C-alpha atoms as a PDB file:
ATOM      1  CA  MET A   1     -15.150  24.181  -5.096  1.00  0.00           C
ATOM      2  CA  CYS A   2     -11.949  22.532  -4.880  1.00  0.00           C
ATOM      3  CA  ILE A   3      -8.343  23.962  -3.646  1.00  0.00           C
ATOM      4  CA  SER A   4      -5.944  24.713  -6.436  1.00  0.00           C
ATOM      5  CA  THR A   5      -2.320  25.864  -6.057  1.00  0.00           C
ATOM      6  CA  GLY A   6      -2.945  28.957  -8.465  1.00  0.00           C
ATOM      7  CA  GLU A   7      -5.203  30.951  -9.688  1.00  0.00           C
ATOM      8  CA  ALA A   8      -8.251  28.877 -11.253  1.00  0.00           C
ATOM      9  CA  ALA A   9     -11.779  28.821 -12.146  1.00  0.00           C
ATOM     10  CA  PHE A  10     -13.873  25.837 -11.800  1.00  0.00           C
ATOM     11  CA  SER A  11     -17.332  24.992 -12.823  1.00  0.00           C
ATOM     12  CA  GLY A  12     -20.133  22.451 -13.406  1.00  0.00           C
ATOM     13  CA  THR A  13     -18.484  20.022 -10.557  1.00  0.00           C
ATOM     14  CA  VAL A  14     -19.849  16.809  -9.266  1.00  0.00           C
ATOM     15  CA  VAL A  15     -18.498  15.173  -6.598  1.00  0.00           C
ATOM     16  CA  TYR A  16     -19.954  11.413  -5.704  1.00  0.00           C
ATOM     17  CA  CYS A  17     -18.798   9.462  -2.702  1.00  0.00           C
ATOM     18  CA  GLY A  18     -20.576   5.453  -2.502  1.00  0.00           C
ATOM     19  CA  ARG A  19     -20.091   2.534   0.243  1.00  0.00           C
ATOM     20  CA  GLN A  20     -19.085  -0.286  -1.221  1.00  0.00           C
ATOM     21  CA  HIS A  21     -18.591  -4.164  -0.157  1.00  0.00           C
ATOM     22  CA  HIS A  22     -16.269  -5.213  -2.966  1.00  0.00           C
ATOM     23  CA  ARG A  23     -15.893  -9.059  -2.971  1.00  0.00           C
ATOM     24  CA  VAL A  24     -11.655  -8.405  -3.466  1.00  0.00           C
ATOM     25  CA  HIS A  25     -11.040  -5.509  -1.117  1.00  0.00           C
ATOM     26  CA  GLY A  26     -13.803  -5.689   1.228  1.00  0.00           C
ATOM     27  CA  LEU A  27     -15.645  -2.486   2.503  1.00  0.00           C
ATOM     28  CA  VAL A  28     -14.448   0.740   0.765  1.00  0.00           C
ATOM     29  CA  HIS A  29     -15.521   4.074  -0.410  1.00  0.00           C
ATOM     30  CA  VAL A  30     -15.329   4.884  -3.690  1.00  0.00           C
ATOM     31  CA  LEU A  31     -14.747   8.485  -5.147  1.00  0.00           C
ATOM     32  CA  GLY A  32     -15.499  10.371  -8.292  1.00  0.00           C
ATOM     33  CA  TYR A  33     -14.265  14.030  -8.814  1.00  0.00           C
ATOM     34  CA  GLN A  34     -14.966  15.876 -11.853  1.00  0.00           C
ATOM     35  CA  ASN A  35     -15.174  19.190 -13.356  1.00  0.00           C
ATOM     36  CA  THR A  36     -13.984  21.940 -15.612  1.00  0.00           C
ATOM     37  CA  ALA A  37     -11.101  23.807 -14.953  1.00  0.00           C
ATOM     38  CA  LEU A  38      -9.740  27.318 -16.627  1.00  0.00           C
ATOM     39  CA  ASN A  39      -6.022  27.806 -15.629  1.00  0.00           C
ATOM     40  CA  LEU A  40      -5.998  31.354 -15.063  1.00  0.00           C
ATOM     41  CA  ALA A  41      -2.369  30.884 -13.448  1.00  0.00           C
ATOM     42  CA  ASP A  42       0.739  32.249 -15.289  1.00  0.00           C
ATOM     43  CA  GLY A  43       2.015  28.262 -15.221  1.00  0.00           C
ATOM     44  CA  PRO A  44       0.850  25.121 -14.435  1.00  0.00           C
ATOM     45  CA  ASN A  45      -1.429  24.304 -11.713  1.00  0.00           C
ATOM     46  CA  ALA A  46      -3.184  21.483  -9.226  1.00  0.00           C
ATOM     47  CA  MET A  47      -5.955  20.583  -7.286  1.00  0.00           C
ATOM     48  CA  LEU A  48      -5.516  19.130  -4.338  1.00  0.00           C
ATOM     49  CA  LEU A  49      -7.777  17.021  -2.731  1.00  0.00           C
ATOM     50  CA  HIS A  50      -8.118  15.444   1.040  1.00  0.00           C
ATOM     51  CA  LEU A  51      -8.676  11.872   1.308  1.00  0.00           C
ATOM     52  CA  PRO A  52      -9.955  10.032   4.371  1.00  0.00           C
ATOM     53  CA  THR A  53      -7.803   7.235   4.263  1.00  0.00           C
ATOM     54  CA  ARG A  54      -4.580   6.403   5.421  1.00  0.00           C
ATOM     55  CA  GLN A  55      -4.136   3.613   2.377  1.00  0.00           C
ATOM     56  CA  LEU A  56      -3.922   4.895  -0.634  1.00  0.00           C
ATOM     57  CA  THR A  57      -1.211   4.166  -3.726  1.00  0.00           C
ATOM     58  CA  PRO A  58      -1.755   4.396  -7.795  1.00  0.00           C
ATOM     59  CA  ARG A  59      -3.123   1.318  -7.277  1.00  0.00           C
ATOM     60  CA  HIS A  60      -6.591   2.205  -5.634  1.00  0.00           C
ATOM     61  CA  PHE A  61      -6.380   4.823  -8.811  1.00  0.00           C
ATOM     62  CA  LEU A  62      -9.447   3.353 -11.580  1.00  0.00           C
ATOM     63  CA  SER A  63      -9.695   3.897 -15.610  1.00  0.00           C
ATOM     64  CA  ALA A  64     -12.731   5.502 -16.502  1.00  0.00           C
ATOM     65  CA  GLY A  65     -11.514   4.291 -20.252  1.00  0.00           C
ATOM     66  CA  ARG A  66     -14.337   4.459 -22.515  1.00  0.00           C
ATOM     67  CA  ALA A  67     -16.704   5.657 -19.747  1.00  0.00           C
ATOM     68  CA  GLY A  68     -15.752   9.024 -19.202  1.00  0.00           C
ATOM     69  CA  ASP A  69     -19.853  10.120 -18.726  1.00  0.00           C
ATOM     70  CA  ILE A  70     -19.925   8.375 -15.533  1.00  0.00           C
ATOM     71  CA  LEU A  71     -20.684  11.034 -12.986  1.00  0.00           C
ATOM     72  CA  HIS A  72     -23.019  12.432 -15.317  1.00  0.00           C
ATOM     73  CA  ARG A  73     -24.921   9.189 -15.607  1.00  0.00           C
ATOM     74  CA  MET A  74     -25.374   9.485 -12.005  1.00  0.00           C
ATOM     75  CA  VAL A  75     -26.357  13.121 -12.292  1.00  0.00           C
ATOM     76  CA  ALA A  76     -29.197  12.125 -15.251  1.00  0.00           C
ATOM     77  CA  ALA A  77     -30.647   9.452 -12.871  1.00  0.00           C
ATOM     78  CA  VAL A  78     -31.790  12.155 -10.065  1.00  0.00           C
ATOM     79  CA  GLU A  79     -31.831  15.482 -11.987  1.00  0.00           C
ATOM     80  CA  HIS A  80     -35.788  15.006 -12.555  1.00  0.00           C
ATOM     81  CA  GLY A  81     -36.294  14.743  -8.719  1.00  0.00           C
ATOM     82  CA  ALA A  82     -33.274  16.699  -7.375  1.00  0.00           C
ATOM     83  CA  ALA A  83     -34.983  19.310  -5.822  1.00  0.00           C
ATOM     84  CA  THR A  84     -32.551  22.293  -5.011  1.00  0.00           C
ATOM     85  CA  THR A  85     -31.682  23.692  -1.782  1.00  0.00           C
ATOM     86  CA  ASP A  86     -31.272  26.863   0.130  1.00  0.00           C
ATOM     87  CA  GLY A  87     -29.153  25.456   2.750  1.00  0.00           C
ATOM     88  CA  ILE A  88     -28.050  22.382   4.346  1.00  0.00           C
ATOM     89  CA  ALA A  89     -28.268  21.096   7.943  1.00  0.00           C
ATOM     90  CA  TRP A  90       3.085   2.525  -9.909  1.00  0.00           C
ATOM     91  CA  MET A  91       4.379   0.594  -7.042  1.00  0.00           C
ATOM     92  CA  SER A  92       7.255   0.069  -4.472  1.00  0.00           C
ATOM     93  CA  THR A  93       7.940  -2.869  -2.080  1.00  0.00           C
ATOM     94  CA  GLU A  94       9.183   0.081   0.394  1.00  0.00           C
ATOM     95  CA  PRO A  95       6.993   2.909   1.530  1.00  0.00           C
ATOM     96  CA  GLN A  96       7.836   6.229  -0.454  1.00  0.00           C
ATOM     97  CA  PRO A  97       7.281   9.904   1.412  1.00  0.00           C
ATOM     98  CA  VAL A  98       5.254  10.697  -1.662  1.00  0.00           C
ATOM     99  CA  GLN A  99       4.378   8.299  -4.644  1.00  0.00           C
ATOM    100  CA  VAL A 100       4.404  10.277  -7.590  1.00  0.00           C
ATOM    101  CA  PHE A 101       2.184   8.733 -11.086  1.00  0.00           C
ATOM    102  CA  ASP A 102       0.842   9.701 -14.364  1.00  0.00           C
ATOM    103  CA  HIS A 103      -3.409   9.279 -14.308  1.00  0.00           C
ATOM    104  CA  ASP A 104      -5.141   9.945 -16.899  1.00  0.00           C
ATOM    105  CA  VAL A 105      -3.901  13.714 -17.776  1.00  0.00           C
ATOM    106  CA  TYR A 106      -2.938  14.322 -14.836  1.00  0.00           C
ATOM    107  CA  THR A 107       0.618  13.755 -12.768  1.00  0.00           C
ATOM    108  CA  VAL A 108      -0.519  12.509  -9.473  1.00  0.00           C
ATOM    109  CA  LEU A 109       1.548  13.235  -6.253  1.00  0.00           C
ATOM    110  CA  LEU A 110       0.137  11.216  -2.688  1.00  0.00           C
ATOM    111  CA  ALA A 111       1.384  12.087   0.795  1.00  0.00           C
ATOM    112  CA  ASP A 112       0.545  11.173   4.261  1.00  0.00           C
ATOM    113  CA  ASP A 113       2.612  14.123   4.870  1.00  0.00           C
ATOM    114  CA  PRO A 114       1.875  17.454   2.366  1.00  0.00           C
ATOM    115  CA  THR A 115       5.133  19.433   3.852  1.00  0.00           C
ATOM    116  CA  ALA A 116       6.627  16.231   1.852  1.00  0.00           C
ATOM    117  CA  VAL A 117       5.419  16.925  -1.660  1.00  0.00           C
ATOM    118  CA  PRO A 118       7.669  20.111  -2.705  1.00  0.00           C
ATOM    119  CA  ALA A 119      10.870  17.274  -2.613  1.00  0.00           C
ATOM    120  CA  ALA A 120       9.053  15.450  -5.061  1.00  0.00           C
ATOM    121  CA  LEU A 121       8.290  17.972  -7.688  1.00  0.00           C
ATOM    122  CA  TRP A 122      11.501  17.223  -9.709  1.00  0.00           C
ATOM    123  CA  GLN A 123       9.232  13.662 -11.114  1.00  0.00           C
ATOM    124  CA  VAL A 124       6.428  15.922 -12.142  1.00  0.00           C
ATOM    125  CA  PRO A 125       6.889  17.401 -16.225  1.00  0.00           C
ATOM    126  CA  PRO A 126       7.775  20.836 -16.102  1.00  0.00           C
ATOM    127  CA  HIS A 127       4.651  21.604 -18.055  1.00  0.00           C
ATOM    128  CA  ARG A 128       2.687  20.182 -15.384  1.00  0.00           C
ATOM    129  CA  ARG A 129       4.492  21.353 -12.322  1.00  0.00           C
ATOM    130  CA  PRO A 130       2.645  23.506 -10.109  1.00  0.00           C
ATOM    131  CA  ASP A 131       4.306  26.333  -7.959  1.00  0.00           C
ATOM    132  CA  LEU A 132       3.024  25.402  -3.965  1.00  0.00           C
ATOM    133  CA  ASP A 133       2.527  27.798  -1.451  1.00  0.00           C
ATOM    134  CA  PRO A 134       4.109  26.257   1.918  1.00  0.00           C
ATOM    135  CA  ASP A 135       1.582  27.943   3.925  1.00  0.00           C
ATOM    136  CA  LEU A 136      -1.101  25.609   2.171  1.00  0.00           C
ATOM    137  CA  LEU A 137       0.300  22.454   2.500  1.00  0.00           C
ATOM    138  CA  HIS A 138       0.787  23.239   6.011  1.00  0.00           C
ATOM    139  CA  PHE A 139      -2.616  24.288   6.383  1.00  0.00           C
ATOM    140  CA  TYR A 140      -3.417  20.701   5.249  1.00  0.00           C
ATOM    141  CA  ALA A 141      -1.134  19.302   7.814  1.00  0.00           C
ATOM    142  CA  ASP A 142      -2.417  20.934  11.066  1.00  0.00           C
ATOM    143  CA  HIS A 143      -5.705  20.248   9.655  1.00  0.00           C
ATOM    144  CA  PHE A 144      -6.097  16.838   7.748  1.00  0.00           C
ATOM    145  CA  PRO A 145      -3.299  14.767   9.982  1.00  0.00           C
ATOM    146  CA  ASP A 146      -5.154  11.751   9.444  1.00  0.00           C
ATOM    147  CA  HIS A 147      -5.543  12.001   5.828  1.00  0.00           C
ATOM    148  CA  THR A 148      -3.500  11.654   2.664  1.00  0.00           C
ATOM    149  CA  ILE A 149      -3.137  14.560   0.516  1.00  0.00           C
ATOM    150  CA  ALA A 150      -3.469  14.410  -3.361  1.00  0.00           C
ATOM    151  CA  VAL A 151      -1.841  16.443  -5.654  1.00  0.00           C
ATOM    152  CA  CYS A 152      -3.172  16.190  -9.061  1.00  0.00           C
ATOM    153  CA  CYS A 153      -0.946  18.345 -11.666  1.00  0.00           C
ATOM    154  CA  PHE A 154      -2.161  19.345 -14.956  1.00  0.00           C
ATOM    155  CA  ASP A 155      -1.669  21.951 -17.403  1.00  0.00           C
ATOM    156  CA  ASN A 156      -4.537  23.817 -19.050  1.00  0.00           C
ATOM    157  CA  ALA A 157      -5.300  22.086 -22.314  1.00  0.00           C
ATOM    158  CA  ASP A 158      -5.169  18.628 -20.491  1.00  0.00           C
ATOM    159  CA  ALA A 159      -8.003  19.881 -18.257  1.00  0.00           C
ATOM    160  CA  GLN A 160     -10.070  20.634 -20.827  1.00  0.00           C
ATOM    161  CA  ARG A 161     -10.110  17.265 -21.957  1.00  0.00           C
ATOM    162  CA  ALA A 162     -10.040  15.310 -18.379  1.00  0.00           C
ATOM    163  CA  LYS A 163     -12.561  12.111 -17.609  1.00  0.00           C
ATOM    164  CA  PRO A 164     -13.575  12.062 -13.625  1.00  0.00           C
ATOM    165  CA  LEU A 165     -11.175  10.947 -11.099  1.00  0.00           C
ATOM    166  CA  LEU A 166     -12.098   7.553  -9.598  1.00  0.00           C
ATOM    167  CA  LEU A 167     -10.383   5.697  -6.922  1.00  0.00           C
ATOM    168  CA  TRP A 168     -11.117   3.761  -3.953  1.00  0.00           C
ATOM    169  CA  TYR A 169      -9.806   3.659  -0.557  1.00  0.00           C
ATOM    170  CA  PRO A 170     -10.114   1.779   2.942  1.00  0.00           C
ATOM    171  CA  PRO A 171     -11.876   4.723   4.797  1.00  0.00           C
ATOM    172  CA  LEU A 172     -11.231   5.901   8.019  1.00  0.00           C
ATOM    173  CA  ASP A 173     -14.751   5.737   9.020  1.00  0.00           C
ATOM    174  CA  PRO A 174     -16.774   3.597   6.835  1.00  0.00           C
ATOM    175  CA  ASP A 175     -20.131   4.641   8.123  1.00  0.00           C
ATOM    176  CA  ARG A 176     -19.089   8.448   7.488  1.00  0.00           C
ATOM    177  CA  LEU A 177     -19.000   9.611   3.620  1.00  0.00           C
ATOM    178  CA  THR A 178     -17.272  12.601   2.850  1.00  0.00           C
ATOM    179  CA  VAL A 179     -16.391  14.033  -0.401  1.00  0.00           C
ATOM    180  CA  PRO A 180     -13.558  17.023  -0.618  1.00  0.00           C
ATOM    181  CA  ALA A 181     -15.365  20.244  -1.440  1.00  0.00           C
ATOM    182  CA  LEU A 182     -13.344  23.489   0.617  1.00  0.00           C
ATOM    183  CA  ASP A 183     -12.668  25.823  -1.917  1.00  0.00           C
ATOM    184  CA  SER A 184      -9.779  28.480  -2.331  1.00  0.00           C
ATOM    185  CA  HIS A 185      -8.468  28.911  -6.094  1.00  0.00           C
ATOM    186  CA  THR A 186      -5.897  31.411  -5.625  1.00  0.00           C
ATOM    187  CA  GLY A 187      -3.072  28.978  -4.101  1.00  0.00           C
ATOM    188  CA  LYS A 188      -3.725  30.325  -0.808  1.00  0.00           C
ATOM    189  CA  ALA A 189      -4.773  28.442   2.026  1.00  0.00           C
ATOM    190  CA  PRO A 190      -8.936  28.454   2.386  1.00  0.00           C
ATOM    191  CA  ASP A 191     -10.515  30.708   4.378  1.00  0.00           C
ATOM    192  CA  LEU A 192     -12.580  28.689   7.137  1.00  0.00           C
ATOM    193  CA  ASP A 193     -14.786  31.672   8.026  1.00  0.00           C
ATOM    194  CA  ALA A 194     -15.732  32.374   4.617  1.00  0.00           C
ATOM    195  CA  THR A 195     -18.980  31.749   2.557  1.00  0.00           C
ATOM    196  CA  VAL A 196     -18.506  30.608  -0.801  1.00  0.00           C
ATOM    197  CA  PRO A 197     -20.433  30.489  -4.257  1.00  0.00           C
ATOM    198  CA  VAL A 198     -21.531  26.908  -5.401  1.00  0.00           C
ATOM    199  CA  ASP A 199     -22.167  25.643  -8.492  1.00  0.00           C
ATOM    200  CA  HIS A 200     -21.807  21.615  -8.212  1.00  0.00           C
ATOM    201  CA  TRP A 201     -23.987  18.317  -7.940  1.00  0.00           C
ATOM    202  CA  VAL A 202     -23.250  15.918  -4.231  1.00  0.00           C
ATOM    203  CA  LEU A 203     -23.945  12.358  -4.733  1.00  0.00           C
ATOM    204  CA  PHE A 204     -23.989   9.451  -2.256  1.00  0.00           C
ATOM    205  CA  SER A 205     -24.805   5.267  -2.689  1.00  0.00           C
ATOM    206  CA  THR A 206     -24.292   2.534  -0.440  1.00  0.00           C
ATOM    207  CA  ASP A 207     -24.829  -0.986  -1.569  1.00  0.00           C
ATOM    208  CA  GLN A 208     -26.969  -1.857   1.608  1.00  0.00           C
ATOM    209  CA  ALA A 209     -29.979   0.130   0.905  1.00  0.00           C
ATOM    210  CA  PRO A 210     -33.215  -1.626  -0.049  1.00  0.00           C
ATOM    211  CA  SER A 211     -34.312  -2.306  -3.951  1.00  0.00           C
ATOM    212  CA  ASP A 212     -36.638   0.799  -3.555  1.00  0.00           C
ATOM    213  CA  TRP A 213     -33.755   3.116  -2.815  1.00  0.00           C
ATOM    214  CA  GLY A 214     -32.324   6.176  -4.757  1.00  0.00           C
ATOM    215  CA  ALA A 215     -32.205   6.236  -8.432  1.00  0.00           C
ATOM    216  CA  PRO A 216     -31.400   3.616 -10.831  1.00  0.00           C
ATOM    217  CA  VAL A 217     -28.035   4.484 -12.856  1.00  0.00           C
ATOM    218  CA  VAL A 218     -27.566   2.747 -16.364  1.00  0.00           C
ATOM    219  CA  TYR A 219     -24.058   2.592 -17.050  1.00  0.00           C
ATOM    220  CA  PRO A 220     -22.879   1.639 -20.931  1.00  0.00           C
ATOM    221  CA  GLY A 221     -23.319  -2.198 -22.036  1.00  0.00           C
ATOM    222  CA  ASP A 222     -19.493  -2.192 -22.636  1.00  0.00           C
ATOM    223  CA  MET A 223     -18.206  -0.930 -19.468  1.00  0.00           C
ATOM    224  CA  ARG A 224     -15.515  -2.855 -18.445  1.00  0.00           C
ATOM    225  CA  HIS A 225     -16.147  -5.706 -15.345  1.00  0.00           C
ATOM    226  CA  ARG A 226     -13.114  -4.450 -13.203  1.00  0.00           C
ATOM    227  CA  LEU A 227     -14.758  -0.970 -13.196  1.00  0.00           C
ATOM    228  CA  ARG A 228     -18.458  -1.533 -13.045  1.00  0.00           C
ATOM    229  CA  ALA A 229     -17.599  -3.637  -9.679  1.00  0.00           C
ATOM    230  CA  PHE A 230     -16.612  -0.237  -7.590  1.00  0.00           C
ATOM    231  CA  LEU A 231     -20.151   1.451  -8.898  1.00  0.00           C
ATOM    232  CA  PRO A 232     -23.519   1.916  -7.748  1.00  0.00           C
ATOM    233  CA  THR A 233     -26.658   0.695  -9.000  1.00  0.00           C
ATOM    234  CA  ALA A 234     -28.335   3.442  -7.747  1.00  0.00           C
ATOM    235  CA  VAL A 235     -27.667   6.898  -6.291  1.00  0.00           C
ATOM    236  CA  VAL A 236     -29.639   9.880  -3.990  1.00  0.00           C
ATOM    237  CA  GLY A 237     -28.037  13.607  -4.169  1.00  0.00           C
ATOM    238  CA  ARG A 238     -28.999  17.037  -5.225  1.00  0.00           C
ATOM    239  CA  HIS A 239     -27.792  20.162  -6.712  1.00  0.00           C
ATOM    240  CA  TYR A 240     -26.634  23.423  -5.348  1.00  0.00           C
ATOM    241  CA  ASN A 241     -27.413  25.916  -7.397  1.00  0.00           C
ATOM    242  CA  SER A 242     -25.442  28.476  -8.752  1.00  0.00           C
ATOM    243  CA  GLY A 243     -25.582  31.929  -6.909  1.00  0.00           C
ATOM    244  CA  GLN A 244     -25.825  30.203  -3.747  1.00  0.00           C
ATOM    245  CA  THR A 245     -23.158  30.245  -1.237  1.00  0.00           C
ATOM    246  CA  LEU A 246     -22.752  28.250   1.511  1.00  0.00           C
ATOM    247  CA  PRO A 247     -19.870  28.221   4.704  1.00  0.00           C
ATOM    248  CA  ASN A 248     -16.430  26.735   3.332  1.00  0.00           C
ATOM    249  CA  GLY A 249     -16.464  23.110   3.806  1.00  0.00           C
ATOM    250  CA  ASP A 250     -16.469  19.472   2.825  1.00  0.00           C
ATOM    251  CA  PHE A 251     -19.932  17.535   2.532  1.00  0.00           C
ATOM    252  CA  THR A 252     -20.986  14.517   4.298  1.00  0.00           C
ATOM    253  CA  ILE A 253     -23.456  12.499   5.567  1.00  0.00           C
ATOM    254  CA  SER A 254     -23.529   9.184   8.100  1.00  0.00           C
ATOM    255  CA  HIS A 255     -24.747   5.624   6.354  1.00  0.00           C
ATOM    256  CA  ARG A 256     -27.526   5.890   8.581  1.00  0.00           C
ATOM    257  CA  ASP A 257     -29.084   9.275   7.319  1.00  0.00           C
ATOM    258  CA  LEU A 258     -27.742   8.267   3.804  1.00  0.00           C
ATOM    259  CA  LEU A 259     -30.014   4.913   4.012  1.00  0.00           C
ATOM    260  CA  THR A 260     -33.137   6.687   4.462  1.00  0.00           C
ATOM    261  CA  GLY A 261     -32.766   8.403   0.677  1.00  0.00           C
ATOM    262  CA  ASP A 262     -33.427  11.945   1.844  1.00  0.00           C
ATOM    263  CA  PRO A 263     -30.501  14.578   0.354  1.00  0.00           C
ATOM    264  CA  ASP A 264     -31.830  17.119   2.920  1.00  0.00           C
ATOM    265  CA  ARG A 265     -29.864  15.199   5.558  1.00  0.00           C
ATOM    266  CA  ILE A 266     -26.117  16.025   3.554  1.00  0.00           C
ATOM    267  CA  GLU A 267     -24.421  18.298   6.067  1.00  0.00           C
ATOM    268  CA  ARG A 268     -21.876  20.713   6.089  1.00  0.00           C
ATOM    269  CA  LEU A 269     -18.274  20.097   7.517  1.00  0.00           C
ATOM    270  CA  GLN A 270     -15.317  22.155   8.343  1.00  0.00           C
ATOM    271  CA  PRO A 271     -12.238  20.513   9.636  1.00  0.00           C
ATOM    272  CA  THR A 272     -11.503  20.404  13.185  1.00  0.00           C
ATOM    273  CA  ARG A 273      -9.226  24.167  13.838  1.00  0.00           C
ATOM    274  CA  ARG A 274      -6.024  23.988  15.246  1.00  0.00           C
END
């Protein structure tokens, strides 16, 4: 359930998006993403995530620290009540075209213009530097012109011990929560006409829900306060089973629908065709 720059297999994916009023940053969305990656390419690989924001820098990435099981705690909170579904309705004062930095086991490239990424690849350590298909980058430039693209470069040994990616951002639309879920594990642009296999948890939260909403999440007592300030008290979500297929696309829900607490209102979203 992601785009990779080379052949790969991903399993056990958990994705999360929360709508949160932060006391310093105001209304933000928080994204969590974790899976188990098997690199089947001849060299390094990377996964690409398209994020609905124009304001993303290294400071927006959160360290999970000792709490590497955050997303799995969210899953545990809803697992007993989740129903299976057969369908779904480092920083410079000067702006840089591509920002390159290390985060956990990844070297990350952030770009508003995906076609600028190849010129920055020399900054990625050779053992993590992937080959990039120009057609894949043009796909993102054409279909997600208002988004920031994150290219998360890894080698196979690193991927096995990766903690969840956690980041916050000012969203393009505060009232529409979307998690990237387009699928292509060949290094090529995704086929928008394809149905793709799914095996993942999709989770959402809002801090404006009533006190009895969703499933409460239990966090470790030694979690850092800075991280906890971005995390939800409760979540809703569901598991999309292995063996099931869905039209290729992202998962999305409006804030109004999220407040109902009904995971049946999660929808599949495709990019605008150009």
